N, C-alpha and C. Protein backbone atom coordinates (compact mmCIF):
# COMPACT_ATOMS: atom_id res chain seq x y z
N UNK A 1 -10.15 94.10 -23.32
CA UNK A 1 -9.06 93.41 -22.63
C UNK A 1 -9.20 91.89 -22.83
N UNK A 2 -8.14 91.23 -23.25
CA UNK A 2 -8.15 89.80 -23.53
C UNK A 2 -7.83 89.03 -22.25
N UNK A 3 -8.86 88.40 -21.67
CA UNK A 3 -8.66 87.69 -20.40
C UNK A 3 -7.70 86.52 -20.58
N UNK A 4 -7.72 85.88 -21.74
CA UNK A 4 -6.82 84.75 -21.99
C UNK A 4 -5.36 85.17 -21.84
N UNK A 5 -5.01 86.34 -22.37
CA UNK A 5 -3.64 86.84 -22.23
C UNK A 5 -3.30 87.13 -20.78
N UNK A 6 -4.28 87.65 -20.04
CA UNK A 6 -4.06 87.98 -18.63
C UNK A 6 -3.78 86.73 -17.80
N UNK A 7 -4.52 85.67 -18.08
CA UNK A 7 -4.47 84.48 -17.23
C UNK A 7 -3.42 83.46 -17.66
N UNK A 8 -2.93 83.59 -18.90
CA UNK A 8 -2.04 82.57 -19.48
C UNK A 8 -0.85 82.25 -18.58
N UNK A 9 -0.23 83.25 -18.00
CA UNK A 9 0.96 83.07 -17.16
C UNK A 9 0.68 82.22 -15.92
N UNK A 10 -0.59 82.20 -15.48
CA UNK A 10 -0.94 81.54 -14.21
C UNK A 10 -1.71 80.25 -14.40
N UNK A 11 -1.97 79.85 -15.66
CA UNK A 11 -2.92 78.78 -15.95
C UNK A 11 -2.49 77.40 -15.46
N UNK A 12 -1.20 77.18 -15.24
CA UNK A 12 -0.74 75.84 -14.85
C UNK A 12 -0.85 75.56 -13.36
N UNK A 13 -1.42 76.49 -12.62
CA UNK A 13 -1.64 76.29 -11.20
C UNK A 13 -3.06 76.71 -10.85
N UNK A 14 -3.64 76.15 -9.79
CA UNK A 14 -4.94 76.66 -9.34
C UNK A 14 -4.85 78.16 -9.04
N UNK A 15 -5.90 78.87 -9.33
CA UNK A 15 -5.90 80.33 -9.26
C UNK A 15 -6.80 80.81 -8.12
N UNK A 16 -6.27 81.61 -7.25
CA UNK A 16 -7.06 82.11 -6.12
C UNK A 16 -7.96 83.26 -6.55
N UNK A 17 -9.01 83.46 -5.80
CA UNK A 17 -9.92 84.58 -6.09
C UNK A 17 -9.18 85.92 -5.95
N UNK A 18 -8.27 85.98 -4.99
CA UNK A 18 -7.48 87.21 -4.79
C UNK A 18 -6.71 87.57 -6.07
N UNK A 19 -6.08 86.57 -6.69
CA UNK A 19 -5.34 86.82 -7.93
C UNK A 19 -6.30 87.21 -9.05
N UNK A 20 -7.43 86.51 -9.14
CA UNK A 20 -8.40 86.83 -10.18
C UNK A 20 -8.88 88.28 -10.07
N UNK A 21 -9.16 88.71 -8.85
CA UNK A 21 -9.64 90.08 -8.64
C UNK A 21 -8.58 91.10 -9.08
N UNK A 22 -7.32 90.76 -8.86
CA UNK A 22 -6.25 91.65 -9.33
C UNK A 22 -6.22 91.70 -10.86
N UNK A 23 -6.41 90.55 -11.51
CA UNK A 23 -6.33 90.48 -12.96
C UNK A 23 -7.50 91.21 -13.64
N UNK A 24 -8.67 91.19 -13.00
CA UNK A 24 -9.84 91.83 -13.62
C UNK A 24 -10.15 93.17 -12.95
N UNK A 25 -9.16 93.74 -12.31
CA UNK A 25 -9.33 94.99 -11.56
C UNK A 25 -9.80 96.15 -12.43
N UNK A 26 -9.47 96.11 -13.74
CA UNK A 26 -9.85 97.22 -14.62
C UNK A 26 -11.33 97.21 -14.99
N UNK A 27 -11.99 96.07 -14.73
CA UNK A 27 -13.43 96.00 -15.00
C UNK A 27 -14.19 96.76 -13.91
N UNK A 28 -15.31 97.34 -14.30
CA UNK A 28 -16.08 98.14 -13.35
C UNK A 28 -16.63 97.28 -12.21
N UNK A 29 -17.04 96.05 -12.55
CA UNK A 29 -17.57 95.12 -11.54
C UNK A 29 -16.79 93.80 -11.62
N UNK A 30 -15.64 93.71 -10.94
CA UNK A 30 -14.78 92.52 -11.03
C UNK A 30 -15.48 91.22 -10.65
N UNK A 31 -16.32 91.25 -9.60
CA UNK A 31 -17.00 90.02 -9.17
C UNK A 31 -17.98 89.53 -10.24
N UNK A 32 -18.65 90.48 -10.88
CA UNK A 32 -19.56 90.09 -11.97
C UNK A 32 -18.78 89.50 -13.14
N UNK A 33 -17.59 90.05 -13.40
CA UNK A 33 -16.75 89.52 -14.49
C UNK A 33 -16.34 88.08 -14.20
N UNK A 34 -15.98 87.79 -12.95
CA UNK A 34 -15.61 86.41 -12.58
C UNK A 34 -16.80 85.48 -12.78
N UNK A 35 -17.99 85.89 -12.37
CA UNK A 35 -19.19 85.08 -12.58
C UNK A 35 -19.44 84.83 -14.07
N UNK A 36 -19.21 85.84 -14.87
CA UNK A 36 -19.39 85.73 -16.32
C UNK A 36 -18.40 84.72 -16.91
N UNK A 37 -17.16 84.75 -16.42
CA UNK A 37 -16.12 83.82 -16.91
C UNK A 37 -16.46 82.37 -16.55
N UNK A 38 -17.06 82.17 -15.39
CA UNK A 38 -17.47 80.82 -14.99
C UNK A 38 -18.62 80.33 -15.87
N UNK A 39 -19.59 81.20 -16.13
CA UNK A 39 -20.72 80.83 -16.98
C UNK A 39 -20.28 80.47 -18.40
N UNK A 40 -19.28 81.17 -18.90
CA UNK A 40 -18.80 80.93 -20.27
C UNK A 40 -17.78 79.80 -20.34
N UNK A 41 -17.51 79.16 -19.16
CA UNK A 41 -16.57 78.04 -19.07
C UNK A 41 -15.12 78.45 -19.37
N UNK A 42 -14.86 79.73 -19.27
CA UNK A 42 -13.47 80.19 -19.35
C UNK A 42 -12.75 79.92 -18.03
N UNK A 43 -13.54 79.83 -16.96
CA UNK A 43 -13.03 79.45 -15.64
C UNK A 43 -13.88 78.32 -15.09
N UNK A 44 -13.26 77.45 -14.32
CA UNK A 44 -13.98 76.42 -13.57
C UNK A 44 -13.76 76.68 -12.08
N UNK A 45 -14.83 76.73 -11.32
CA UNK A 45 -14.72 76.90 -9.87
C UNK A 45 -14.53 75.53 -9.24
N UNK A 46 -13.35 75.28 -8.68
CA UNK A 46 -13.06 74.00 -8.05
C UNK A 46 -13.69 73.96 -6.66
N UNK A 47 -13.56 75.02 -5.94
CA UNK A 47 -14.28 75.26 -4.69
C UNK A 47 -14.35 76.77 -4.53
N UNK A 48 -15.06 77.21 -3.52
CA UNK A 48 -15.17 78.66 -3.32
C UNK A 48 -13.78 79.28 -3.15
N UNK A 49 -13.47 80.23 -4.01
CA UNK A 49 -12.20 80.95 -3.91
C UNK A 49 -11.03 80.30 -4.64
N UNK A 50 -11.28 79.18 -5.36
CA UNK A 50 -10.20 78.50 -6.08
C UNK A 50 -10.70 78.08 -7.46
N UNK A 51 -9.91 78.39 -8.49
CA UNK A 51 -10.36 78.20 -9.87
C UNK A 51 -9.23 77.62 -10.73
N UNK A 52 -9.63 77.02 -11.85
CA UNK A 52 -8.68 76.67 -12.90
C UNK A 52 -9.27 77.17 -14.22
N UNK A 53 -8.43 77.29 -15.24
CA UNK A 53 -8.95 77.74 -16.53
C UNK A 53 -9.81 76.64 -17.15
N UNK A 54 -10.84 77.06 -17.87
CA UNK A 54 -11.79 76.13 -18.44
C UNK A 54 -11.42 75.69 -19.85
N UNK A 55 -12.19 74.75 -20.42
CA UNK A 55 -11.85 74.18 -21.74
C UNK A 55 -11.87 75.19 -22.87
N UNK A 56 -12.69 76.22 -22.76
CA UNK A 56 -12.77 77.18 -23.87
C UNK A 56 -11.52 78.06 -23.96
N UNK A 57 -10.68 78.04 -22.92
CA UNK A 57 -9.47 78.87 -22.93
C UNK A 57 -8.34 78.22 -23.71
N UNK A 58 -8.39 76.87 -23.84
CA UNK A 58 -7.35 76.14 -24.56
C UNK A 58 -5.95 76.47 -24.03
N UNK A 59 -5.80 76.36 -22.70
CA UNK A 59 -4.52 76.61 -22.03
C UNK A 59 -4.13 75.39 -21.21
N UNK A 60 -2.84 75.22 -20.91
CA UNK A 60 -2.44 74.13 -20.01
C UNK A 60 -3.14 74.31 -18.66
N UNK A 61 -3.57 73.19 -18.08
CA UNK A 61 -4.22 73.25 -16.77
C UNK A 61 -3.41 72.47 -15.75
N UNK A 62 -3.59 72.75 -14.46
CA UNK A 62 -2.81 72.04 -13.45
C UNK A 62 -3.15 70.56 -13.38
N UNK A 63 -2.13 69.76 -13.07
CA UNK A 63 -2.33 68.33 -12.85
C UNK A 63 -3.24 68.12 -11.64
N UNK A 64 -4.04 67.03 -11.63
CA UNK A 64 -4.93 66.76 -10.49
C UNK A 64 -4.20 66.74 -9.14
N UNK A 65 -2.95 66.22 -9.10
CA UNK A 65 -2.22 66.18 -7.83
C UNK A 65 -1.93 67.59 -7.33
N UNK A 66 -1.64 68.51 -8.24
CA UNK A 66 -1.38 69.89 -7.84
C UNK A 66 -2.67 70.55 -7.36
N UNK A 67 -3.77 70.25 -8.03
CA UNK A 67 -5.06 70.76 -7.56
C UNK A 67 -5.33 70.26 -6.15
N UNK A 68 -5.04 68.98 -5.91
CA UNK A 68 -5.24 68.40 -4.57
C UNK A 68 -4.43 69.14 -3.51
N UNK A 69 -3.18 69.47 -3.84
CA UNK A 69 -2.33 70.20 -2.89
C UNK A 69 -2.93 71.55 -2.51
N UNK A 70 -3.58 72.21 -3.48
CA UNK A 70 -4.13 73.55 -3.25
C UNK A 70 -5.53 73.53 -2.65
N UNK A 71 -6.26 72.47 -2.93
CA UNK A 71 -7.67 72.41 -2.53
C UNK A 71 -7.84 72.42 -1.01
N UNK A 72 -6.96 71.70 -0.33
CA UNK A 72 -6.98 71.68 1.14
C UNK A 72 -5.54 71.54 1.62
N UNK A 73 -5.03 72.62 2.16
CA UNK A 73 -3.62 72.59 2.57
C UNK A 73 -3.45 72.98 4.02
N UNK A 74 -2.33 72.58 4.62
CA UNK A 74 -1.28 71.79 3.99
C UNK A 74 -1.70 70.34 3.78
N UNK A 75 -1.25 69.77 2.69
CA UNK A 75 -1.57 68.38 2.39
C UNK A 75 -0.57 67.84 1.38
N UNK A 76 -0.53 66.51 1.26
CA UNK A 76 0.26 65.86 0.21
C UNK A 76 -0.52 64.65 -0.30
N UNK A 77 -0.34 64.30 -1.54
CA UNK A 77 -1.02 63.16 -2.14
C UNK A 77 -0.42 61.87 -1.57
N UNK A 78 -1.28 60.92 -1.21
CA UNK A 78 -0.80 59.68 -0.60
C UNK A 78 -1.77 58.55 -0.91
N UNK A 79 -1.67 57.48 -0.09
CA UNK A 79 -2.57 56.32 -0.18
C UNK A 79 -2.59 55.76 -1.60
N UNK A 80 -3.76 55.34 -2.09
CA UNK A 80 -3.83 54.68 -3.41
C UNK A 80 -3.31 55.57 -4.53
N UNK A 81 -3.52 56.87 -4.42
CA UNK A 81 -3.08 57.77 -5.48
C UNK A 81 -1.57 57.76 -5.62
N UNK A 82 -0.86 57.85 -4.49
CA UNK A 82 0.60 57.82 -4.53
C UNK A 82 1.11 56.41 -4.85
N UNK A 83 0.47 55.39 -4.30
CA UNK A 83 0.89 54.01 -4.59
C UNK A 83 0.77 53.71 -6.09
N UNK A 84 -0.29 54.23 -6.70
CA UNK A 84 -0.46 54.06 -8.14
C UNK A 84 0.60 54.85 -8.90
N UNK A 85 0.88 56.07 -8.46
CA UNK A 85 1.90 56.92 -9.11
C UNK A 85 3.26 56.22 -9.12
N UNK A 86 3.59 55.56 -8.01
CA UNK A 86 4.89 54.87 -7.90
C UNK A 86 4.84 53.44 -8.45
N UNK A 87 3.74 53.09 -9.13
CA UNK A 87 3.57 51.73 -9.71
C UNK A 87 3.65 50.63 -8.65
N UNK A 88 3.13 50.94 -7.47
CA UNK A 88 3.12 49.96 -6.38
C UNK A 88 1.88 49.07 -6.45
N UNK A 89 0.79 49.61 -7.00
CA UNK A 89 -0.44 48.84 -7.15
C UNK A 89 -0.87 48.88 -8.61
N UNK A 90 -1.55 47.84 -9.08
CA UNK A 90 -1.91 47.78 -10.51
C UNK A 90 -3.05 48.71 -10.89
N UNK A 91 -3.92 49.05 -9.92
CA UNK A 91 -5.09 49.86 -10.24
C UNK A 91 -4.73 51.34 -10.36
N UNK A 92 -5.42 52.02 -11.26
CA UNK A 92 -5.31 53.47 -11.32
C UNK A 92 -6.33 54.05 -10.34
N UNK A 93 -5.89 55.02 -9.54
CA UNK A 93 -6.78 55.63 -8.55
C UNK A 93 -7.53 56.79 -9.20
N UNK A 94 -8.87 56.69 -9.22
CA UNK A 94 -9.68 57.73 -9.85
C UNK A 94 -10.01 58.86 -8.88
N UNK A 95 -10.08 58.55 -7.60
CA UNK A 95 -10.23 59.59 -6.59
C UNK A 95 -8.84 59.95 -6.08
N UNK A 96 -8.55 61.23 -6.00
CA UNK A 96 -7.24 61.65 -5.51
C UNK A 96 -7.27 61.67 -3.98
N UNK A 97 -6.45 60.82 -3.37
CA UNK A 97 -6.41 60.71 -1.91
C UNK A 97 -5.20 61.44 -1.37
N UNK A 98 -5.43 62.26 -0.35
CA UNK A 98 -4.35 63.04 0.25
C UNK A 98 -4.38 62.91 1.77
N UNK A 99 -3.29 63.33 2.38
CA UNK A 99 -3.18 63.39 3.83
C UNK A 99 -3.02 64.85 4.21
N UNK A 100 -3.67 65.25 5.30
CA UNK A 100 -3.61 66.64 5.76
C UNK A 100 -3.49 66.67 7.27
N UNK A 101 -3.07 67.81 7.81
CA UNK A 101 -3.08 67.97 9.26
C UNK A 101 -4.43 68.53 9.72
N UNK A 102 -5.27 68.93 8.75
CA UNK A 102 -6.61 69.41 9.07
C UNK A 102 -7.57 68.23 9.21
N UNK A 103 -8.83 68.52 9.48
CA UNK A 103 -9.82 67.46 9.60
C UNK A 103 -10.04 66.78 8.25
N UNK A 104 -10.46 65.53 8.30
CA UNK A 104 -10.72 64.77 7.07
C UNK A 104 -11.89 65.39 6.32
N UNK A 105 -11.83 65.33 4.99
CA UNK A 105 -12.89 65.94 4.18
C UNK A 105 -12.89 65.35 2.78
N UNK A 106 -14.05 65.36 2.14
CA UNK A 106 -14.19 64.93 0.75
C UNK A 106 -14.74 66.08 -0.07
N UNK A 107 -14.09 66.37 -1.20
CA UNK A 107 -14.57 67.39 -2.13
C UNK A 107 -15.02 66.70 -3.42
N UNK A 108 -16.22 66.98 -3.84
CA UNK A 108 -16.70 66.54 -5.15
C UNK A 108 -16.70 67.77 -6.04
N UNK A 109 -15.81 67.81 -7.01
CA UNK A 109 -15.61 69.00 -7.83
C UNK A 109 -15.89 68.70 -9.30
N UNK A 110 -15.99 69.73 -10.14
CA UNK A 110 -16.17 69.50 -11.58
C UNK A 110 -14.99 68.78 -12.23
N UNK A 111 -13.84 68.71 -11.52
CA UNK A 111 -12.66 68.04 -12.11
C UNK A 111 -12.31 66.76 -11.35
N UNK A 112 -13.23 66.24 -10.54
CA UNK A 112 -12.98 64.98 -9.86
C UNK A 112 -13.21 65.03 -8.36
N UNK A 113 -13.04 63.86 -7.73
CA UNK A 113 -13.21 63.73 -6.28
C UNK A 113 -11.85 63.78 -5.60
N UNK A 114 -11.80 64.49 -4.49
CA UNK A 114 -10.56 64.65 -3.74
C UNK A 114 -10.86 64.36 -2.27
N UNK A 115 -10.22 63.33 -1.72
CA UNK A 115 -10.43 63.00 -0.31
C UNK A 115 -9.19 63.33 0.51
N UNK A 116 -9.42 63.75 1.75
CA UNK A 116 -8.34 64.16 2.65
C UNK A 116 -8.51 63.42 3.98
N UNK A 117 -7.40 62.88 4.48
CA UNK A 117 -7.41 62.08 5.69
C UNK A 117 -6.42 62.69 6.69
N UNK A 118 -6.86 62.84 7.91
CA UNK A 118 -6.05 63.56 8.89
C UNK A 118 -4.97 62.69 9.53
N UNK A 119 -3.77 63.22 9.59
CA UNK A 119 -2.67 62.65 10.37
C UNK A 119 -1.97 63.79 11.11
N UNK A 120 -1.41 63.47 12.24
CA UNK A 120 -0.84 64.52 13.08
C UNK A 120 0.67 64.66 12.87
N UNK A 121 1.14 65.87 13.11
CA UNK A 121 2.58 66.16 13.14
C UNK A 121 3.14 65.51 14.41
N UNK A 122 4.39 64.96 14.42
CA UNK A 122 5.38 65.06 13.34
C UNK A 122 5.30 63.94 12.28
N UNK A 123 4.52 62.86 12.55
CA UNK A 123 4.47 61.76 11.57
C UNK A 123 4.05 62.27 10.19
N UNK A 124 3.10 63.18 10.16
CA UNK A 124 2.63 63.76 8.89
C UNK A 124 3.79 64.24 8.03
N UNK A 125 4.79 64.84 8.65
CA UNK A 125 5.86 65.54 7.90
C UNK A 125 6.88 64.62 7.24
N UNK A 126 6.89 63.35 7.59
CA UNK A 126 7.91 62.44 7.07
C UNK A 126 7.59 61.97 5.65
N UNK A 127 8.64 61.74 4.86
CA UNK A 127 8.49 61.05 3.58
C UNK A 127 7.71 61.79 2.51
N UNK A 128 7.75 63.12 2.53
CA UNK A 128 7.06 63.90 1.50
C UNK A 128 8.06 64.31 0.43
N UNK A 129 7.70 64.09 -0.82
CA UNK A 129 8.59 64.44 -1.93
C UNK A 129 8.01 65.58 -2.77
N UNK A 130 8.91 66.41 -3.29
CA UNK A 130 8.54 67.44 -4.28
C UNK A 130 8.78 66.86 -5.66
N UNK A 131 7.74 66.73 -6.45
CA UNK A 131 7.86 66.20 -7.80
C UNK A 131 7.59 67.33 -8.79
N UNK A 132 8.57 67.61 -9.64
CA UNK A 132 8.39 68.68 -10.64
C UNK A 132 7.82 68.08 -11.91
N UNK A 133 6.53 68.35 -12.15
CA UNK A 133 5.86 67.84 -13.33
C UNK A 133 6.19 68.68 -14.56
N UNK A 134 6.28 69.98 -14.34
CA UNK A 134 6.64 70.93 -15.41
C UNK A 134 7.32 72.11 -14.73
N UNK A 135 7.92 73.02 -15.49
CA UNK A 135 8.61 74.16 -14.87
C UNK A 135 7.73 74.96 -13.90
N UNK A 136 6.41 74.93 -14.13
CA UNK A 136 5.51 75.71 -13.26
C UNK A 136 4.67 74.84 -12.33
N UNK A 137 4.92 73.52 -12.35
CA UNK A 137 4.10 72.62 -11.52
C UNK A 137 4.98 71.72 -10.66
N UNK A 138 5.00 71.99 -9.37
CA UNK A 138 5.71 71.15 -8.41
C UNK A 138 4.70 70.62 -7.40
N UNK A 139 4.59 69.29 -7.32
CA UNK A 139 3.54 68.66 -6.52
C UNK A 139 4.13 67.98 -5.29
N UNK A 140 3.38 67.97 -4.21
CA UNK A 140 3.78 67.28 -2.98
C UNK A 140 3.11 65.92 -2.96
N UNK A 141 3.93 64.88 -2.85
CA UNK A 141 3.41 63.51 -2.88
C UNK A 141 4.22 62.65 -1.91
N UNK A 142 3.56 61.69 -1.30
CA UNK A 142 4.25 60.76 -0.40
C UNK A 142 5.21 59.89 -1.20
N UNK A 143 6.36 59.60 -0.60
CA UNK A 143 7.26 58.61 -1.19
C UNK A 143 6.54 57.26 -1.19
N UNK A 144 7.07 56.31 -1.92
CA UNK A 144 6.46 54.98 -1.95
C UNK A 144 6.37 54.39 -0.55
N UNK A 145 7.44 54.59 0.23
CA UNK A 145 7.47 54.06 1.60
C UNK A 145 6.40 54.72 2.48
N UNK A 146 6.29 56.05 2.37
CA UNK A 146 5.33 56.76 3.22
C UNK A 146 3.90 56.45 2.80
N UNK A 147 3.66 56.35 1.49
CA UNK A 147 2.31 56.02 1.02
C UNK A 147 1.85 54.67 1.55
N UNK A 148 2.77 53.70 1.60
CA UNK A 148 2.43 52.38 2.12
C UNK A 148 2.17 52.44 3.62
N UNK A 149 3.01 53.17 4.35
CA UNK A 149 2.78 53.34 5.79
C UNK A 149 1.45 54.03 6.05
N UNK A 150 1.16 55.06 5.28
CA UNK A 150 -0.11 55.78 5.43
C UNK A 150 -1.29 54.84 5.17
N UNK A 151 -1.14 53.96 4.18
CA UNK A 151 -2.20 53.02 3.85
C UNK A 151 -2.49 52.10 5.04
N UNK A 152 -1.44 51.62 5.68
CA UNK A 152 -1.61 50.76 6.86
C UNK A 152 -2.25 51.55 8.00
N UNK A 153 -1.73 52.74 8.24
CA UNK A 153 -2.18 53.57 9.35
C UNK A 153 -3.65 53.99 9.18
N UNK A 154 -4.05 54.31 7.97
CA UNK A 154 -5.36 54.92 7.75
C UNK A 154 -6.45 53.95 7.28
N UNK A 155 -6.11 52.68 7.09
CA UNK A 155 -7.14 51.71 6.71
C UNK A 155 -7.79 51.14 7.95
N UNK A 156 -9.08 51.41 8.15
CA UNK A 156 -9.77 50.90 9.35
C UNK A 156 -9.71 49.37 9.41
N UNK A 157 -9.47 48.85 10.61
CA UNK A 157 -9.49 47.41 10.81
C UNK A 157 -8.22 46.68 10.43
N UNK A 158 -7.23 47.40 9.88
CA UNK A 158 -5.97 46.75 9.52
C UNK A 158 -4.98 46.86 10.69
N UNK A 159 -4.72 45.73 11.31
CA UNK A 159 -3.73 45.64 12.39
C UNK A 159 -2.85 44.43 12.07
N UNK A 160 -1.63 44.70 11.69
CA UNK A 160 -0.73 43.64 11.23
C UNK A 160 -0.07 42.97 12.43
N UNK A 161 -0.29 41.65 12.55
CA UNK A 161 0.19 40.94 13.74
C UNK A 161 1.14 39.79 13.43
N UNK A 162 1.29 39.45 12.16
CA UNK A 162 2.20 38.37 11.78
C UNK A 162 2.73 38.62 10.38
N UNK A 163 3.84 37.96 10.06
CA UNK A 163 4.41 38.10 8.72
C UNK A 163 3.46 37.52 7.67
N UNK A 164 2.83 36.38 7.98
CA UNK A 164 1.88 35.76 7.04
C UNK A 164 0.72 36.71 6.73
N UNK A 165 0.15 37.29 7.79
CA UNK A 165 -0.97 38.21 7.60
C UNK A 165 -0.55 39.44 6.80
N UNK A 166 0.65 39.94 7.08
CA UNK A 166 1.14 41.13 6.39
C UNK A 166 1.38 40.85 4.91
N UNK A 167 1.97 39.69 4.61
CA UNK A 167 2.19 39.31 3.21
C UNK A 167 0.86 39.21 2.47
N UNK A 168 -0.16 38.67 3.13
CA UNK A 168 -1.48 38.55 2.50
C UNK A 168 -2.07 39.94 2.23
N UNK A 169 -1.91 40.83 3.20
CA UNK A 169 -2.42 42.20 3.03
C UNK A 169 -1.75 42.88 1.84
N UNK A 170 -0.43 42.73 1.75
CA UNK A 170 0.33 43.40 0.68
C UNK A 170 0.08 42.78 -0.70
N UNK A 171 0.11 41.46 -0.77
CA UNK A 171 0.12 40.79 -2.07
C UNK A 171 -1.26 40.34 -2.55
N UNK A 172 -2.17 40.12 -1.59
CA UNK A 172 -3.51 39.68 -2.00
C UNK A 172 -4.51 40.85 -1.95
N UNK A 173 -4.52 41.57 -0.83
CA UNK A 173 -5.47 42.69 -0.71
C UNK A 173 -5.06 43.86 -1.61
N UNK A 174 -3.79 44.24 -1.55
CA UNK A 174 -3.32 45.39 -2.33
C UNK A 174 -2.74 44.98 -3.69
N UNK A 175 -2.51 43.69 -3.88
CA UNK A 175 -1.97 43.13 -5.14
C UNK A 175 -0.64 43.77 -5.53
N UNK A 176 0.23 43.90 -4.55
CA UNK A 176 1.55 44.48 -4.79
C UNK A 176 2.52 43.40 -5.27
N UNK A 177 3.50 43.85 -6.02
CA UNK A 177 4.51 42.95 -6.57
C UNK A 177 5.66 42.79 -5.58
N UNK A 178 6.10 41.56 -5.35
CA UNK A 178 7.12 41.29 -4.35
C UNK A 178 8.45 41.96 -4.67
N UNK A 179 8.80 42.04 -5.95
CA UNK A 179 10.07 42.68 -6.33
C UNK A 179 10.04 44.18 -6.05
N UNK A 180 8.90 44.80 -6.28
CA UNK A 180 8.75 46.23 -5.99
C UNK A 180 8.84 46.48 -4.50
N UNK A 181 8.17 45.65 -3.73
CA UNK A 181 8.20 45.79 -2.26
C UNK A 181 9.61 45.62 -1.71
N UNK A 182 10.37 44.70 -2.30
CA UNK A 182 11.72 44.42 -1.81
C UNK A 182 12.66 45.61 -1.99
N UNK A 183 12.31 46.53 -2.86
CA UNK A 183 13.16 47.70 -3.11
C UNK A 183 12.92 48.85 -2.13
N UNK A 184 11.90 48.74 -1.29
CA UNK A 184 11.58 49.82 -0.36
C UNK A 184 12.66 49.97 0.71
N UNK A 185 12.86 51.19 1.15
CA UNK A 185 13.90 51.53 2.12
C UNK A 185 13.35 51.37 3.54
N UNK A 186 13.54 50.19 4.11
CA UNK A 186 13.00 49.92 5.45
C UNK A 186 13.75 50.69 6.54
N UNK A 187 15.01 51.00 6.30
CA UNK A 187 15.78 51.81 7.28
C UNK A 187 15.15 53.19 7.43
N UNK A 188 14.72 53.76 6.33
CA UNK A 188 14.05 55.06 6.36
C UNK A 188 12.73 54.95 7.10
N UNK A 189 11.98 53.90 6.83
CA UNK A 189 10.69 53.71 7.49
C UNK A 189 10.83 53.56 9.00
N UNK A 190 11.91 52.95 9.43
CA UNK A 190 12.15 52.77 10.86
C UNK A 190 12.27 54.10 11.59
N UNK A 191 12.74 55.13 10.89
CA UNK A 191 12.92 56.45 11.50
C UNK A 191 11.58 57.11 11.84
N UNK A 192 10.50 56.63 11.22
CA UNK A 192 9.19 57.25 11.43
C UNK A 192 8.39 56.61 12.56
N UNK A 193 8.81 55.44 13.00
CA UNK A 193 8.02 54.62 13.92
C UNK A 193 7.68 55.34 15.23
N UNK A 194 8.65 56.01 15.80
CA UNK A 194 8.48 56.59 17.14
C UNK A 194 7.25 57.48 17.24
N UNK A 195 6.98 58.24 16.18
CA UNK A 195 5.88 59.20 16.22
C UNK A 195 4.67 58.75 15.39
N UNK A 196 4.65 57.49 15.00
CA UNK A 196 3.59 57.02 14.10
C UNK A 196 2.42 56.41 14.85
N UNK A 197 1.21 56.53 14.29
CA UNK A 197 0.08 55.72 14.77
C UNK A 197 0.32 54.26 14.39
N UNK A 198 -0.37 53.35 15.04
CA UNK A 198 -0.27 51.91 14.74
C UNK A 198 1.19 51.45 14.69
N UNK A 199 1.95 51.80 15.71
CA UNK A 199 3.39 51.46 15.75
C UNK A 199 3.64 49.97 15.53
N UNK A 200 2.89 49.12 16.22
CA UNK A 200 3.15 47.68 16.13
C UNK A 200 2.88 47.16 14.72
N UNK A 201 1.85 47.71 14.05
CA UNK A 201 1.56 47.28 12.68
C UNK A 201 2.67 47.71 11.72
N UNK A 202 3.19 48.92 11.91
CA UNK A 202 4.29 49.38 11.04
C UNK A 202 5.57 48.60 11.31
N UNK A 203 5.80 48.24 12.55
CA UNK A 203 6.98 47.40 12.86
C UNK A 203 6.87 46.05 12.17
N UNK A 204 5.66 45.48 12.17
CA UNK A 204 5.46 44.20 11.49
C UNK A 204 5.60 44.35 9.98
N UNK A 205 5.14 45.47 9.45
CA UNK A 205 5.30 45.77 8.02
C UNK A 205 6.79 45.80 7.66
N UNK A 206 7.56 46.51 8.44
CA UNK A 206 9.00 46.62 8.17
C UNK A 206 9.68 45.27 8.29
N UNK A 207 9.32 44.51 9.31
CA UNK A 207 9.89 43.17 9.51
C UNK A 207 9.58 42.25 8.32
N UNK A 208 8.37 42.36 7.81
CA UNK A 208 7.96 41.55 6.65
C UNK A 208 8.73 41.96 5.39
N UNK A 209 8.84 43.26 5.18
CA UNK A 209 9.56 43.77 4.00
C UNK A 209 11.02 43.35 4.05
N UNK A 210 11.60 43.37 5.22
CA UNK A 210 13.02 43.04 5.37
C UNK A 210 13.30 41.58 5.02
N UNK A 211 12.27 40.74 5.05
CA UNK A 211 12.46 39.31 4.77
C UNK A 211 12.13 38.94 3.32
N UNK A 212 11.72 39.91 2.53
CA UNK A 212 11.37 39.61 1.12
C UNK A 212 12.62 39.34 0.30
């Protein structure tokens, strides 16, 4: 039985152990077969019970953002990772940062580091976008507006109290471009304030953006 043919249809998304067991069901010892596939690098174990196809399979693999969505859910990619995706900050984010309703956690995996930061519903639910990377890959990521709000909310010690201080935080600390910031939808951001942490800081953020 050709495992590559079996797995090809599912290779663009993280693969659960349940699905793997179904695919190798014809083997006498399915769990041993999965262990063998990991040893031969046909599979990579991202965490217990979650896998992606390995380099020896020569198949498309899921994007890191999609892996992040599956690694700890429910979650969406945000903070520096989303800000970089939307070209809001000049740096490329090497650790994938996400927001979750579960407890905060860091995963160090064979395919990179994935950090998760807790936010509560209903604020968590605002400003999440579905991005279709390919026909089989749809990723959950914060909008540019939500990623910036999340950055303010989740950065320890950041309390925005004046327009001058906020401009310094945005343009000096985060090195954001003023023209990019001016395009953000502050009316949309205002809808999130009622249920948001750090309400006064987000109000100052919106006030500063509105004056750019």
